[in-house]
Protein backbone atom coordinates (compact mmCIF):
# COMPACT_ATOMS: atom_id res chain seq x y z
CA MET A 1 -23.69 33.96 62.18
CA LYS A 2 -24.30 30.27 62.73
CA CYS A 3 -21.35 27.90 63.11
CA PRO A 4 -21.43 25.19 60.42
CA ASP A 5 -19.81 22.64 62.75
CA CYS A 6 -21.74 22.92 66.02
CA GLY A 7 -24.71 25.15 65.09
CA THR A 8 -24.03 27.77 67.77
CA GLU A 9 -25.26 31.28 66.94
CA ASN A 10 -22.34 33.77 67.08
CA LYS A 11 -22.02 37.54 66.62
CA GLU A 12 -22.06 38.58 62.95
CA ASN A 13 -18.45 39.85 62.97
CA SER A 14 -16.97 36.86 64.84
CA LYS A 15 -13.81 35.27 63.44
CA PHE A 16 -14.18 32.09 65.55
CA CYS A 17 -17.09 30.11 67.02
CA ALA A 18 -17.55 30.94 70.71
CA LYS A 19 -18.30 27.27 71.53
CA CYS A 20 -16.08 25.05 69.31
CA GLY A 21 -13.45 27.54 68.05
CA LYS A 22 -14.12 26.97 64.29
CA GLU A 23 -12.56 29.75 62.19
CA PHE A 24 -15.17 31.70 60.16
CA GLU A 25 -12.88 33.44 57.61
CA ASN A 26 -13.82 31.24 54.62
CA ILE A 27 -17.53 31.23 55.47
CA LYS A 28 -17.68 34.96 56.18
CA ASN A 29 -16.34 35.84 52.74
CA SER A 30 -18.97 33.85 50.76
CA TRP A 31 -21.82 35.84 49.23
CA TRP A 32 -24.41 33.58 50.84
CA SER A 33 -23.14 34.26 54.35
CA LYS A 34 -23.34 38.00 53.74
CA LEU A 35 -27.07 37.81 52.97
CA GLY A 36 -29.65 38.34 55.70
CA SER A 37 -32.30 35.72 56.40
CA LYS A 38 -35.05 37.70 54.58
CA SER A 39 -32.87 37.94 51.45
CA LYS A 40 -32.16 34.21 51.59
CA ILE A 41 -35.88 33.41 51.90
CA GLY A 42 -36.60 35.74 48.96
CA LEU A 43 -33.97 34.09 46.78
CA ILE A 44 -35.17 30.58 47.58
CA GLY A 45 -38.82 31.56 47.00
CA GLY A 46 -37.98 33.25 43.70
CA ALA A 47 -36.00 30.25 42.48
CA CYS A 48 -38.92 27.94 43.34
CA CYS A 49 -41.39 30.18 41.44
CA ILE A 50 -39.17 30.25 38.37
CA GLY A 51 -38.80 26.47 38.54
CA ILE A 52 -42.57 25.95 38.72
CA ILE A 53 -43.19 28.33 35.81
CA LEU A 54 -40.57 26.55 33.69
CA LEU A 55 -42.07 23.16 34.56
CA ILE A 56 -45.56 24.31 33.53
CA PHE A 57 -44.22 25.81 30.30
CA ILE A 58 -42.25 22.71 29.36
CA THR A 59 -45.12 20.30 30.05
CA SER A 60 -47.59 22.46 28.12
CA MET A 61 -45.28 22.43 25.09
CA GLY A 62 -45.24 18.64 24.94
CA SER A 63 -48.93 17.82 25.21
CA PRO A 64 -51.87 19.22 23.27
CA ASP A 65 -54.71 20.87 25.12
CA ALA A 66 -57.68 18.51 25.46
CA SER A 67 -59.99 21.20 24.05
CA THR A 68 -58.18 21.50 20.72
CA ASP A 69 -57.61 19.36 17.71
CA SER A 70 -54.17 19.03 16.18
CA THR A 71 -54.34 22.37 14.35
CA GLY A 72 -55.77 24.35 17.23
CA GLY A 73 -59.43 24.07 16.25
CA SER A 74 -62.21 23.36 18.70
CA THR A 75 -63.37 19.82 18.04
CA GLY A 76 -62.52 18.63 21.54
CA THR A 77 -60.18 15.86 20.38
CA TYR A 78 -56.62 15.47 19.24
CA MET A 79 -55.90 13.26 16.29
CA THR A 80 -52.99 12.97 13.92
CA SER A 81 -53.58 13.04 10.16
CA ALA A 82 -53.04 9.28 10.06
CA GLU A 83 -55.66 8.70 12.80
CA ILE A 84 -58.15 10.95 11.00
CA LYS A 85 -57.61 9.01 7.77
CA GLU A 86 -57.98 5.68 9.56
CA LYS A 87 -61.18 6.63 11.43
CA ALA A 88 -62.80 8.76 8.71
CA LYS A 89 -66.43 8.07 7.88
CA GLU A 90 -67.11 8.39 4.16
CA VAL A 91 -69.79 11.04 3.62
CA SER A 92 -71.15 13.06 0.74
CA ILE A 93 -71.09 16.84 0.73
CA SER A 94 -74.91 16.71 0.82
CA GLU A 95 -74.71 14.77 4.12
CA LEU A 96 -72.52 17.52 5.58
CA TYR A 97 -75.31 20.01 4.74
CA SER A 98 -78.02 17.78 6.22
CA GLY A 99 -76.83 18.11 9.83
CA SER A 100 -76.72 14.34 10.29
CA ILE A 101 -72.97 14.33 10.95
CA ALA A 102 -71.86 15.13 14.52
CA LYS A 103 -69.29 17.85 15.07
CA GLY A 104 -65.88 16.35 15.73
CA THR A 105 -66.46 13.35 13.45
CA PRO A 106 -63.52 12.35 11.25
CA VAL A 107 -64.84 12.40 7.66
CA LYS A 108 -63.78 11.53 4.12
CA THR A 109 -65.43 13.20 1.14
CA LYS A 110 -64.72 13.86 -2.51
CA GLY A 111 -65.18 16.90 -4.72
CA TYR A 112 -63.45 19.44 -6.90
CA VAL A 113 -61.73 22.65 -5.85
CA VAL A 114 -63.54 25.87 -6.76
CA GLN A 115 -61.26 28.21 -4.81
CA SER A 116 -57.80 27.46 -3.46
CA GLY A 117 -55.51 29.08 -0.92
CA SER A 118 -52.54 28.03 1.16
CA ASP A 119 -54.59 27.26 4.30
CA SER A 120 -58.17 26.88 3.05
CA ILE A 121 -60.02 25.70 -0.04
CA ARG A 122 -63.64 25.62 -1.13
CA VAL A 123 -64.82 22.35 -2.63
CA CYS A 124 -68.03 21.41 -4.48
CA PRO A 125 -69.47 17.98 -5.27
CA ILE A 126 -68.45 16.50 -8.63
CA GLY A 127 -70.90 17.69 -11.31
CA SER A 128 -72.28 20.63 -9.32
CA TYR A 129 -71.37 24.14 -8.33
CA GLU A 130 -73.92 24.04 -5.49
CA ASN A 131 -73.28 23.08 -1.89
CA ASP A 132 -69.67 24.14 -1.54
CA ILE A 133 -67.80 23.36 1.68
CA MET A 134 -64.82 25.05 3.37
CA VAL A 135 -61.77 22.91 4.03
CA GLU A 136 -58.98 24.13 6.33
CA GLY A 137 -55.47 22.72 6.49
CA VAL A 138 -52.19 23.26 4.65
CA PHE A 139 -52.48 22.85 0.90
CA ASP A 140 -49.46 23.01 -1.36
CA GLY A 141 -50.01 22.25 -5.02
CA ILE A 142 -53.84 22.14 -4.82
CA TYR A 143 -55.49 24.28 -7.50
CA GLU A 144 -58.93 25.20 -8.87
CA ASN A 145 -60.63 22.35 -10.72
CA ASP A 146 -58.48 19.63 -9.10
CA GLU A 147 -60.56 16.62 -8.12
CA VAL A 148 -59.66 15.81 -4.51
CA ILE A 149 -60.32 13.39 -1.68
CA ILE A 150 -60.56 15.15 1.69
CA TYR A 151 -59.85 13.64 5.11
CA GLY A 152 -60.56 15.88 8.09
CA ILE A 153 -62.69 16.71 11.11
CA TYR A 154 -66.24 17.95 10.53
CA SER A 155 -66.33 21.13 12.61
CA GLY A 156 -69.86 22.46 12.03
CA SER A 157 -70.27 25.50 9.81
CA THR A 158 -68.48 28.68 8.88
CA SER A 159 -69.42 31.81 6.95
CA TYR A 160 -67.78 33.81 4.20
CA ILE A 161 -68.66 36.80 2.06
CA THR A 162 -69.19 36.10 -1.65
CA VAL A 163 -68.03 38.36 -4.47
CA THR A 164 -71.58 39.79 -4.57
CA GLU A 165 -71.14 40.66 -0.85
CA ALA A 166 -73.69 38.08 0.31
CA GLU A 167 -72.93 36.10 3.45
CA ARG A 168 -72.89 32.37 2.89
CA THR A 169 -72.81 29.71 5.66
CA ILE A 170 -71.36 26.36 4.68
CA PRO A 171 -70.03 23.16 6.32
CA LEU A 172 -66.45 23.28 7.59
CA ILE A 173 -63.89 20.48 7.56
CA SER A 174 -60.82 21.38 9.61
CA ASP A 175 -57.51 19.68 10.22
CA ALA A 176 -57.72 18.40 6.65
CA THR A 177 -55.43 16.37 4.48
CA VAL A 178 -56.24 16.60 0.78
CA GLU A 179 -55.18 14.13 -1.90
CA LYS A 180 -55.45 14.81 -5.62
CA THR A 181 -57.12 12.05 -7.63
CA GLY A 182 -55.19 13.07 -10.74
CA LYS A 183 -58.36 14.20 -12.51
CA ARG A 184 -59.32 17.78 -13.33
CA TYR A 185 -62.95 18.91 -13.39
CA SER A 186 -63.97 20.68 -16.57
CA GLY A 187 -67.59 21.36 -15.58
């Protein structure tokens, strides 16, 4: 046992320091003084590991991964809905099919809903049932035949199976915000 006053190493069961006479009763009864040096090193090392893990966890919660967009897609950028809307390039659905739009580009397009769900919708150009696109986001109150304006990130293409069990590959807009124009398409 080491004396806290003078630092002299004493026998483990000593009641007083052999050099300065300091009484060890209060120190001897503490849980820390009863631990061996290997146990103390283990406790300190474990506490440091837990601290590092917590620090990593907390910092990862506060900042988005650079390889994801704001909904966890893979566009390589992070943008809020407001930033997407502000930077969106107005494109037609035909342009999305042409391949002239780079993946990760914020886009704005218009069409009518041909199939709706809570997290994805299919949209066609006004006046056509051809060239549908998939739009992913959160959509409350968006229904079939609603005319909509879409703001989102062009993310390349995706595939789905039609009711006739054919696979169809179409452009994908992710991270989307959809606004109703107030019009309904009657085809």
